């Protein structure tokens, strides 16, 4: 039989082995669960757009996967305000609203698409049951990782230097 001293040594050895093993197993399980949940979350959102650094200007919107011509890329909720409510840098990020003095402050990624005179994206304003939305759709097939552009229009450029 083991003496009390031998039993204490065995317990100490077991604790020095058991605690690190439990910690390593816990970390590995946490990483695996995190990776699973991240993949599940991104797959569930159906997101088509990521915001990244643009070679054109500051930030830009990029396709996360291939987008087909006519596909709706994003439905962006918007707040319709008057042109008096908009000033400073925000003036460069709003859309024309339903009247001459109305402006749309667009939520989501819609505000961060850059301009191109040969756009691959267009948009229209739609009144939904929850309020105004700006609906972005593909003008042509768009490749994964391609930057998304719409035309700001002549009015936008004539009001800026």
N, C-alpha and C. Protein backbone atom coordinates (compact mmCIF):
# COMPACT_ATOMS: atom_id res chain seq x y z
N UNK A 1 0.83 -1.18 0.00
CA UNK A 1 0.00 0.00 0.00
C UNK A 1 0.87 1.23 0.00
N UNK A 2 0.24 2.30 -0.50
CA UNK A 2 0.94 3.58 -0.53
C UNK A 2 0.86 4.26 0.81
N UNK A 3 1.91 4.95 1.12
CA UNK A 3 1.87 5.75 2.34
C UNK A 3 1.19 7.08 2.01
N UNK A 4 0.87 7.84 3.03
CA UNK A 4 0.22 9.14 2.86
C UNK A 4 1.11 10.09 2.06
N UNK A 5 2.42 10.03 2.27
CA UNK A 5 3.36 10.89 1.54
C UNK A 5 3.35 10.55 0.05
N UNK A 6 3.34 9.24 -0.28
CA UNK A 6 3.30 8.83 -1.69
C UNK A 6 2.00 9.26 -2.36
N UNK A 7 0.94 9.21 -1.64
CA UNK A 7 -0.37 9.61 -2.16
C UNK A 7 -0.38 11.11 -2.49
N UNK A 8 0.21 11.94 -1.63
CA UNK A 8 0.27 13.38 -1.87
C UNK A 8 1.12 13.70 -3.10
N UNK A 9 2.22 12.96 -3.28
CA UNK A 9 3.08 13.18 -4.44
C UNK A 9 2.32 12.83 -5.71
N UNK A 10 1.58 11.72 -5.71
CA UNK A 10 0.80 11.33 -6.87
C UNK A 10 -0.26 12.37 -7.20
N UNK A 11 -0.91 12.95 -6.19
CA UNK A 11 -1.91 13.99 -6.41
C UNK A 11 -1.27 15.22 -7.02
N UNK A 12 -0.07 15.61 -6.53
CA UNK A 12 0.61 16.77 -7.08
C UNK A 12 1.00 16.53 -8.53
N UNK A 13 1.50 15.37 -8.84
CA UNK A 13 1.88 15.03 -10.21
C UNK A 13 0.63 15.05 -11.10
N UNK A 14 -0.43 14.46 -10.62
CA UNK A 14 -1.67 14.44 -11.40
C UNK A 14 -2.17 15.86 -11.66
N UNK A 15 -2.11 16.75 -10.69
CA UNK A 15 -2.56 18.12 -10.88
C UNK A 15 -1.68 18.86 -11.88
N UNK A 16 -0.37 18.61 -11.87
CA UNK A 16 0.53 19.25 -12.83
C UNK A 16 0.28 18.76 -14.25
N UNK A 17 -0.28 17.61 -14.39
CA UNK A 17 -0.60 17.07 -15.71
C UNK A 17 -2.04 17.43 -16.10
N UNK A 18 -2.94 17.27 -15.17
CA UNK A 18 -4.37 17.45 -15.46
C UNK A 18 -4.70 18.91 -15.78
N UNK A 19 -4.21 19.86 -15.01
CA UNK A 19 -4.56 21.27 -15.23
C UNK A 19 -4.12 21.76 -16.61
N UNK A 20 -2.88 21.56 -17.02
CA UNK A 20 -2.51 22.00 -18.38
C UNK A 20 -3.30 21.29 -19.48
N UNK A 21 -3.56 20.01 -19.30
CA UNK A 21 -4.32 19.27 -20.31
C UNK A 21 -5.74 19.84 -20.42
N UNK A 22 -6.37 20.11 -19.30
CA UNK A 22 -7.72 20.68 -19.30
C UNK A 22 -7.70 22.07 -19.95
N UNK A 23 -6.69 22.88 -19.64
CA UNK A 23 -6.58 24.21 -20.24
C UNK A 23 -6.41 24.12 -21.76
N UNK A 24 -5.55 23.25 -22.22
CA UNK A 24 -5.32 23.10 -23.66
C UNK A 24 -6.60 22.63 -24.35
N UNK A 25 -7.27 21.65 -23.77
CA UNK A 25 -8.52 21.15 -24.36
C UNK A 25 -9.56 22.27 -24.39
N UNK A 26 -9.64 23.06 -23.33
CA UNK A 26 -10.60 24.18 -23.27
C UNK A 26 -10.31 25.22 -24.34
N UNK A 27 -9.05 25.59 -24.52
CA UNK A 27 -8.68 26.57 -25.55
C UNK A 27 -9.00 26.03 -26.94
N UNK A 28 -8.66 24.78 -27.19
CA UNK A 28 -8.93 24.19 -28.51
C UNK A 28 -10.43 24.13 -28.77
N UNK A 29 -11.21 23.75 -27.79
CA UNK A 29 -12.66 23.70 -27.95
C UNK A 29 -13.22 25.10 -28.19
N UNK A 30 -12.71 26.09 -27.46
CA UNK A 30 -13.16 27.47 -27.66
C UNK A 30 -12.86 27.98 -29.06
N UNK A 31 -11.66 27.69 -29.57
CA UNK A 31 -11.30 28.09 -30.93
C UNK A 31 -12.20 27.41 -31.96
N UNK A 32 -12.42 26.13 -31.79
CA UNK A 32 -13.27 25.40 -32.73
C UNK A 32 -14.69 25.95 -32.72
N UNK A 33 -15.23 26.22 -31.56
CA UNK A 33 -16.59 26.77 -31.46
C UNK A 33 -16.63 28.17 -32.08
N UNK A 34 -15.61 28.98 -31.82
CA UNK A 34 -15.54 30.33 -32.40
C UNK A 34 -15.50 30.30 -33.92
N UNK A 35 -14.69 29.43 -34.49
CA UNK A 35 -14.60 29.30 -35.95
C UNK A 35 -15.94 28.84 -36.52
N UNK A 36 -16.56 27.88 -35.87
CA UNK A 36 -17.86 27.38 -36.32
C UNK A 36 -18.90 28.49 -36.30
N UNK A 37 -18.96 29.24 -35.20
CA UNK A 37 -19.96 30.30 -35.08
C UNK A 37 -19.70 31.43 -36.07
N UNK A 38 -18.44 31.76 -36.32
CA UNK A 38 -18.12 32.81 -37.30
C UNK A 38 -18.55 32.40 -38.70
N UNK A 39 -18.26 31.17 -39.08
CA UNK A 39 -18.66 30.68 -40.41
C UNK A 39 -20.18 30.64 -40.52
N UNK A 40 -20.82 30.21 -39.46
CA UNK A 40 -22.28 30.13 -39.45
C UNK A 40 -22.90 31.52 -39.54
N UNK A 41 -22.32 32.49 -38.82
CA UNK A 41 -22.85 33.86 -38.84
C UNK A 41 -22.67 34.48 -40.21
N UNK A 42 -21.49 34.34 -40.81
CA UNK A 42 -21.27 34.96 -42.11
C UNK A 42 -22.08 34.27 -43.19
N UNK A 43 -22.28 32.97 -43.06
CA UNK A 43 -23.10 32.27 -44.05
C UNK A 43 -24.56 32.66 -43.91
N UNK A 44 -24.98 32.93 -42.70
CA UNK A 44 -26.38 33.26 -42.45
C UNK A 44 -26.75 34.67 -42.86
N UNK A 45 -25.81 35.59 -42.90
CA UNK A 45 -26.16 36.97 -43.21
C UNK A 45 -26.41 37.17 -44.69
N UNK A 46 -25.80 36.37 -45.53
CA UNK A 46 -25.95 36.55 -46.96
C UNK A 46 -25.32 37.84 -47.45
N UNK A 47 -24.42 38.40 -46.67
CA UNK A 47 -23.78 39.66 -47.03
C UNK A 47 -23.04 39.53 -48.36
N UNK A 48 -23.20 40.54 -49.18
CA UNK A 48 -22.52 40.56 -50.48
C UNK A 48 -21.41 41.60 -50.52
N UNK A 49 -21.34 42.46 -49.50
CA UNK A 49 -20.44 43.61 -49.53
C UNK A 49 -19.56 43.66 -48.30
N UNK A 50 -18.29 44.02 -48.54
CA UNK A 50 -17.36 44.32 -47.44
C UNK A 50 -16.75 45.68 -47.72
N UNK A 51 -16.49 46.43 -46.67
CA UNK A 51 -15.85 47.74 -46.81
C UNK A 51 -14.36 47.56 -46.56
N UNK A 52 -13.57 48.03 -47.54
CA UNK A 52 -12.11 47.89 -47.46
C UNK A 52 -11.49 49.17 -47.99
N UNK A 53 -10.16 49.26 -47.89
CA UNK A 53 -9.44 50.39 -48.47
C UNK A 53 -9.59 50.35 -49.98
N UNK A 54 -9.87 51.51 -50.57
CA UNK A 54 -10.04 51.61 -52.01
C UNK A 54 -8.82 52.25 -52.65
N UNK A 55 -8.50 51.82 -53.84
CA UNK A 55 -7.42 52.48 -54.58
C UNK A 55 -7.92 53.76 -55.24
N UNK A 56 -9.24 53.95 -55.26
CA UNK A 56 -9.83 55.13 -55.88
C UNK A 56 -9.89 56.29 -54.89
N UNK A 57 -10.44 56.03 -53.70
CA UNK A 57 -10.60 57.11 -52.71
C UNK A 57 -10.99 56.53 -51.36
N UNK A 58 -10.12 56.62 -50.38
CA UNK A 58 -10.44 56.20 -49.01
C UNK A 58 -10.97 54.80 -48.91
N UNK A 59 -12.21 54.69 -48.46
CA UNK A 59 -12.87 53.39 -48.33
C UNK A 59 -13.69 53.12 -49.58
N UNK A 60 -13.96 51.85 -49.79
CA UNK A 60 -14.83 51.45 -50.89
C UNK A 60 -15.56 50.17 -50.54
N UNK A 61 -16.57 49.86 -51.32
CA UNK A 61 -17.36 48.64 -51.14
C UNK A 61 -16.88 47.60 -52.15
N UNK A 62 -16.71 46.38 -51.68
CA UNK A 62 -16.19 45.30 -52.52
C UNK A 62 -17.11 44.08 -52.43
N UNK A 63 -17.24 43.37 -53.54
CA UNK A 63 -18.08 42.18 -53.60
C UNK A 63 -17.42 41.03 -52.83
N UNK A 64 -18.16 40.42 -51.94
CA UNK A 64 -17.66 39.26 -51.20
C UNK A 64 -17.76 37.97 -52.00
N UNK A 65 -18.62 37.98 -53.01
CA UNK A 65 -18.76 36.83 -53.90
C UNK A 65 -19.29 37.33 -55.23
N UNK A 66 -19.34 36.45 -56.21
CA UNK A 66 -19.83 36.83 -57.54
C UNK A 66 -21.28 37.31 -57.41
N UNK A 67 -21.57 38.41 -58.10
CA UNK A 67 -22.93 38.97 -58.11
C UNK A 67 -23.38 39.01 -59.56
N UNK A 68 -24.58 38.52 -59.82
CA UNK A 68 -25.10 38.48 -61.19
C UNK A 68 -25.85 39.76 -61.53
N UNK A 69 -25.85 40.08 -62.82
CA UNK A 69 -26.57 41.25 -63.31
C UNK A 69 -28.02 41.22 -62.82
N UNK A 70 -28.48 42.33 -62.29
CA UNK A 70 -29.86 42.44 -61.80
C UNK A 70 -30.05 42.06 -60.34
N UNK A 71 -29.07 41.38 -59.74
CA UNK A 71 -29.20 41.00 -58.33
C UNK A 71 -29.25 42.24 -57.44
N UNK A 72 -30.09 42.18 -56.42
CA UNK A 72 -30.10 43.24 -55.42
C UNK A 72 -28.91 42.99 -54.50
N UNK A 73 -28.07 43.99 -54.37
CA UNK A 73 -26.86 43.88 -53.56
C UNK A 73 -27.16 44.21 -52.12
N UNK A 74 -27.96 45.25 -51.91
CA UNK A 74 -28.28 45.65 -50.55
C UNK A 74 -29.51 46.55 -50.57
N UNK A 75 -30.32 46.41 -49.53
CA UNK A 75 -31.44 47.32 -49.29
C UNK A 75 -31.03 48.16 -48.08
N UNK A 76 -30.79 49.43 -48.30
CA UNK A 76 -30.27 50.30 -47.25
C UNK A 76 -31.39 51.16 -46.67
N UNK A 77 -31.68 51.01 -45.39
CA UNK A 77 -32.64 51.92 -44.77
C UNK A 77 -32.11 53.34 -44.87
N UNK A 78 -33.01 54.30 -44.99
CA UNK A 78 -32.58 55.69 -45.13
C UNK A 78 -33.49 56.60 -44.31
N UNK A 79 -32.93 57.71 -43.91
CA UNK A 79 -33.69 58.75 -43.23
C UNK A 79 -33.83 59.90 -44.22
N UNK A 80 -35.05 60.36 -44.43
CA UNK A 80 -35.24 61.50 -45.32
C UNK A 80 -35.29 62.76 -44.46
N UNK A 81 -34.39 63.67 -44.76
CA UNK A 81 -34.28 64.94 -44.03
C UNK A 81 -34.29 66.07 -45.05
N UNK A 82 -34.27 67.30 -44.57
CA UNK A 82 -34.21 68.44 -45.50
C UNK A 82 -32.76 68.80 -45.76
N UNK A 83 -32.53 69.52 -46.85
CA UNK A 83 -31.16 69.92 -47.19
C UNK A 83 -30.58 70.85 -46.12
N UNK A 84 -31.41 71.52 -45.33
CA UNK A 84 -30.93 72.39 -44.24
C UNK A 84 -30.32 71.56 -43.10
N UNK A 85 -30.71 70.29 -43.00
CA UNK A 85 -30.19 69.41 -41.93
C UNK A 85 -28.80 68.88 -42.25
N UNK A 86 -28.36 69.05 -43.48
CA UNK A 86 -27.11 68.46 -43.94
C UNK A 86 -26.07 69.55 -44.14
N UNK A 87 -24.88 69.31 -43.65
CA UNK A 87 -23.81 70.27 -43.85
C UNK A 87 -22.46 69.60 -43.70
N UNK A 88 -21.43 70.34 -43.96
CA UNK A 88 -20.06 69.84 -43.80
C UNK A 88 -19.79 68.64 -44.67
N UNK A 89 -18.97 67.73 -44.16
CA UNK A 89 -18.57 66.54 -44.90
C UNK A 89 -19.74 65.61 -45.21
N UNK A 90 -20.78 65.63 -44.37
CA UNK A 90 -21.94 64.76 -44.60
C UNK A 90 -22.60 65.06 -45.94
N UNK A 91 -22.47 66.28 -46.43
CA UNK A 91 -23.03 66.67 -47.72
C UNK A 91 -22.55 65.75 -48.84
N UNK A 92 -21.34 65.20 -48.71
CA UNK A 92 -20.78 64.31 -49.73
C UNK A 92 -21.29 62.88 -49.65
N UNK A 93 -22.13 62.58 -48.65
CA UNK A 93 -22.56 61.19 -48.44
C UNK A 93 -24.07 61.02 -48.43
N UNK A 94 -24.80 62.00 -48.92
CA UNK A 94 -26.26 61.88 -48.94
C UNK A 94 -26.76 61.79 -50.37
N UNK A 95 -27.99 61.33 -50.52
CA UNK A 95 -28.63 61.16 -51.82
C UNK A 95 -29.81 62.13 -51.91
N UNK A 96 -30.22 62.41 -53.14
CA UNK A 96 -31.39 63.27 -53.33
C UNK A 96 -32.63 62.50 -52.91
N UNK A 97 -33.55 63.20 -52.27
CA UNK A 97 -34.77 62.57 -51.77
C UNK A 97 -35.94 62.74 -52.71
N UNK A 98 -37.13 62.71 -52.16
CA UNK A 98 -38.36 62.72 -52.95
C UNK A 98 -38.76 64.12 -53.43
N UNK A 99 -38.17 65.16 -52.85
CA UNK A 99 -38.46 66.53 -53.29
C UNK A 99 -37.15 67.27 -53.53
N UNK A 100 -37.26 68.47 -54.05
CA UNK A 100 -36.09 69.29 -54.37
C UNK A 100 -35.19 69.53 -53.15
N UNK A 101 -35.80 69.68 -51.98
CA UNK A 101 -35.01 70.00 -50.78
C UNK A 101 -34.79 68.80 -49.87
N UNK A 102 -35.29 67.63 -50.25
CA UNK A 102 -35.13 66.43 -49.41
C UNK A 102 -33.82 65.72 -49.73
N UNK A 103 -33.22 65.16 -48.68
CA UNK A 103 -31.99 64.38 -48.82
C UNK A 103 -32.15 63.08 -48.06
N UNK A 104 -31.49 62.04 -48.56
CA UNK A 104 -31.52 60.73 -47.91
C UNK A 104 -30.19 60.47 -47.22
N UNK A 105 -30.25 60.21 -45.94
CA UNK A 105 -29.07 59.76 -45.20
C UNK A 105 -29.19 58.23 -45.18
N UNK A 106 -28.30 57.57 -45.89
CA UNK A 106 -28.41 56.13 -46.12
C UNK A 106 -27.60 55.36 -45.08
N UNK A 107 -28.19 54.33 -44.53
CA UNK A 107 -27.52 53.46 -43.57
C UNK A 107 -26.90 52.28 -44.32
N UNK A 108 -26.16 51.46 -43.62
CA UNK A 108 -25.56 50.30 -44.26
C UNK A 108 -24.36 50.71 -45.10
N UNK A 109 -24.04 49.88 -46.07
CA UNK A 109 -22.86 50.11 -46.91
C UNK A 109 -23.11 51.09 -48.05
N UNK A 110 -24.36 51.39 -48.34
CA UNK A 110 -24.71 52.21 -49.49
C UNK A 110 -24.04 53.56 -49.53
N UNK A 111 -23.72 54.10 -48.39
CA UNK A 111 -23.10 55.41 -48.31
C UNK A 111 -21.63 55.38 -48.73
N UNK A 112 -21.02 54.22 -48.80
CA UNK A 112 -19.57 54.13 -49.02
C UNK A 112 -19.15 53.64 -50.40
N UNK A 113 -20.09 53.55 -51.33
CA UNK A 113 -19.73 53.17 -52.70
C UNK A 113 -19.08 54.39 -53.36
N UNK A 114 -18.01 54.18 -54.08
CA UNK A 114 -17.34 55.26 -54.79
C UNK A 114 -17.98 55.48 -56.16
N UNK A 115 -17.62 56.62 -56.78
CA UNK A 115 -18.15 57.00 -58.09
C UNK A 115 -17.34 56.41 -59.24
N UNK A 116 -18.05 56.11 -60.31
CA UNK A 116 -17.40 55.76 -61.58
C UNK A 116 -18.32 56.25 -62.70
N UNK A 117 -17.72 56.72 -63.77
CA UNK A 117 -18.53 57.09 -64.93
C UNK A 117 -18.95 55.85 -65.71
N UNK A 118 -18.38 54.70 -65.37
CA UNK A 118 -18.81 53.41 -65.91
C UNK A 118 -19.16 52.50 -64.74
N UNK A 119 -20.28 52.78 -64.07
CA UNK A 119 -20.63 52.04 -62.85
C UNK A 119 -21.02 50.59 -63.10
N UNK A 120 -20.86 49.77 -62.06
CA UNK A 120 -21.33 48.39 -62.12
C UNK A 120 -22.56 48.20 -61.23
N UNK A 121 -22.97 49.28 -60.55
CA UNK A 121 -24.10 49.25 -59.63
C UNK A 121 -24.98 50.48 -59.90
N UNK A 122 -26.27 50.33 -59.72
CA UNK A 122 -27.21 51.45 -59.76
C UNK A 122 -28.12 51.34 -58.54
N UNK A 123 -28.95 52.32 -58.36
CA UNK A 123 -29.84 52.30 -57.19
C UNK A 123 -31.16 52.98 -57.53
N UNK A 124 -32.15 52.67 -56.74
CA UNK A 124 -33.43 53.37 -56.81
C UNK A 124 -33.96 53.53 -55.39
N UNK A 125 -34.81 54.52 -55.23
CA UNK A 125 -35.43 54.84 -53.94
C UNK A 125 -36.75 54.07 -53.89
N UNK A 126 -37.01 53.44 -52.74
CA UNK A 126 -38.25 52.69 -52.59
C UNK A 126 -38.87 52.97 -51.23
N UNK A 127 -40.16 53.12 -51.20
CA UNK A 127 -40.88 53.31 -49.94
C UNK A 127 -41.33 51.93 -49.45
N UNK A 128 -40.80 51.48 -48.31
CA UNK A 128 -41.21 50.20 -47.75
C UNK A 128 -42.15 50.45 -46.58
N UNK A 129 -42.65 49.38 -45.99
CA UNK A 129 -43.53 49.53 -44.83
C UNK A 129 -42.79 50.12 -43.62
N UNK A 130 -41.45 50.01 -43.63
CA UNK A 130 -40.64 50.55 -42.53
C UNK A 130 -40.07 51.93 -42.83
N UNK A 131 -40.30 52.44 -44.04
CA UNK A 131 -39.78 53.74 -44.42
C UNK A 131 -39.00 53.66 -45.72
N UNK A 132 -38.30 54.75 -46.01
CA UNK A 132 -37.56 54.85 -47.27
C UNK A 132 -36.36 53.91 -47.26
N UNK A 133 -36.10 53.27 -48.41
CA UNK A 133 -34.91 52.44 -48.60
C UNK A 133 -34.26 52.82 -49.91
N UNK A 134 -32.94 52.72 -49.94
CA UNK A 134 -32.19 52.86 -51.18
C UNK A 134 -31.81 51.44 -51.58
N UNK A 135 -32.26 51.01 -52.74
CA UNK A 135 -32.03 49.64 -53.19
C UNK A 135 -30.89 49.65 -54.21
N UNK A 136 -29.80 48.95 -53.90
CA UNK A 136 -28.63 48.86 -54.77
C UNK A 136 -28.69 47.55 -55.55
N UNK A 137 -28.47 47.62 -56.86
CA UNK A 137 -28.53 46.41 -57.68
C UNK A 137 -27.41 46.42 -58.72
N UNK A 138 -27.05 45.24 -59.21
CA UNK A 138 -25.94 45.07 -60.15
C UNK A 138 -26.39 45.40 -61.57
N UNK A 139 -25.61 46.25 -62.24
CA UNK A 139 -25.88 46.59 -63.64
C UNK A 139 -25.32 45.53 -64.60
N UNK A 140 -24.37 44.76 -64.11
CA UNK A 140 -23.73 43.70 -64.90
C UNK A 140 -23.21 42.66 -63.93
N UNK A 141 -22.68 41.56 -64.44
CA UNK A 141 -22.05 40.57 -63.57
C UNK A 141 -20.84 41.21 -62.90
N UNK A 142 -20.67 40.94 -61.62
CA UNK A 142 -19.58 41.51 -60.84
C UNK A 142 -18.78 40.36 -60.23
N UNK A 143 -17.47 40.43 -60.36
CA UNK A 143 -16.58 39.38 -59.84
C UNK A 143 -16.36 39.54 -58.34
N UNK A 144 -16.06 38.43 -57.69
CA UNK A 144 -15.68 38.44 -56.28
C UNK A 144 -14.46 39.36 -56.12
N UNK A 145 -14.45 40.18 -55.08
CA UNK A 145 -13.38 41.13 -54.74
C UNK A 145 -13.36 42.39 -55.61
N UNK A 146 -14.25 42.49 -56.59
CA UNK A 146 -14.31 43.69 -57.44
C UNK A 146 -14.93 44.84 -56.64
N UNK A 147 -14.38 46.04 -56.82
CA UNK A 147 -14.97 47.20 -56.15
C UNK A 147 -16.28 47.57 -56.82
N UNK A 148 -17.23 48.00 -56.00
CA UNK A 148 -18.56 48.35 -56.47
C UNK A 148 -18.66 49.87 -56.61
N UNK A 149 -19.14 50.31 -57.77
CA UNK A 149 -19.26 51.74 -58.06
C UNK A 149 -20.65 52.06 -58.59
N UNK A 150 -21.16 53.23 -58.26
CA UNK A 150 -22.31 53.78 -58.96
C UNK A 150 -21.95 55.19 -59.38
N UNK A 151 -22.74 55.75 -60.26
CA UNK A 151 -22.50 57.10 -60.73
C UNK A 151 -23.16 58.08 -59.76
N UNK A 152 -22.42 59.09 -59.35
CA UNK A 152 -22.98 60.11 -58.47
C UNK A 152 -23.91 61.06 -59.24
N UNK A 153 -23.79 61.07 -60.56
CA UNK A 153 -24.66 61.91 -61.39
C UNK A 153 -24.09 63.29 -61.61
N UNK A 154 -24.54 63.93 -62.68
CA UNK A 154 -24.05 65.26 -63.04
C UNK A 154 -24.37 66.30 -61.99
N UNK A 155 -25.57 66.24 -61.38
CA UNK A 155 -25.94 67.22 -60.36
C UNK A 155 -24.96 67.22 -59.19
N UNK A 156 -24.51 66.05 -58.81
CA UNK A 156 -23.58 65.95 -57.68
C UNK A 156 -22.29 66.69 -58.01
N UNK A 157 -21.76 66.47 -59.22
CA UNK A 157 -20.49 67.08 -59.61
C UNK A 157 -20.61 68.59 -59.83
N UNK A 158 -21.75 69.06 -60.34
CA UNK A 158 -21.89 70.50 -60.60
C UNK A 158 -22.01 71.30 -59.32
N UNK A 159 -22.38 70.66 -58.21
CA UNK A 159 -22.49 71.38 -56.93
C UNK A 159 -21.19 71.33 -56.12
N UNK A 160 -20.14 70.76 -56.68
CA UNK A 160 -18.86 70.66 -55.99
C UNK A 160 -17.74 71.14 -56.91
N UNK A 161 -16.66 71.57 -56.32
CA UNK A 161 -15.54 72.07 -57.13
C UNK A 161 -14.62 70.93 -57.53
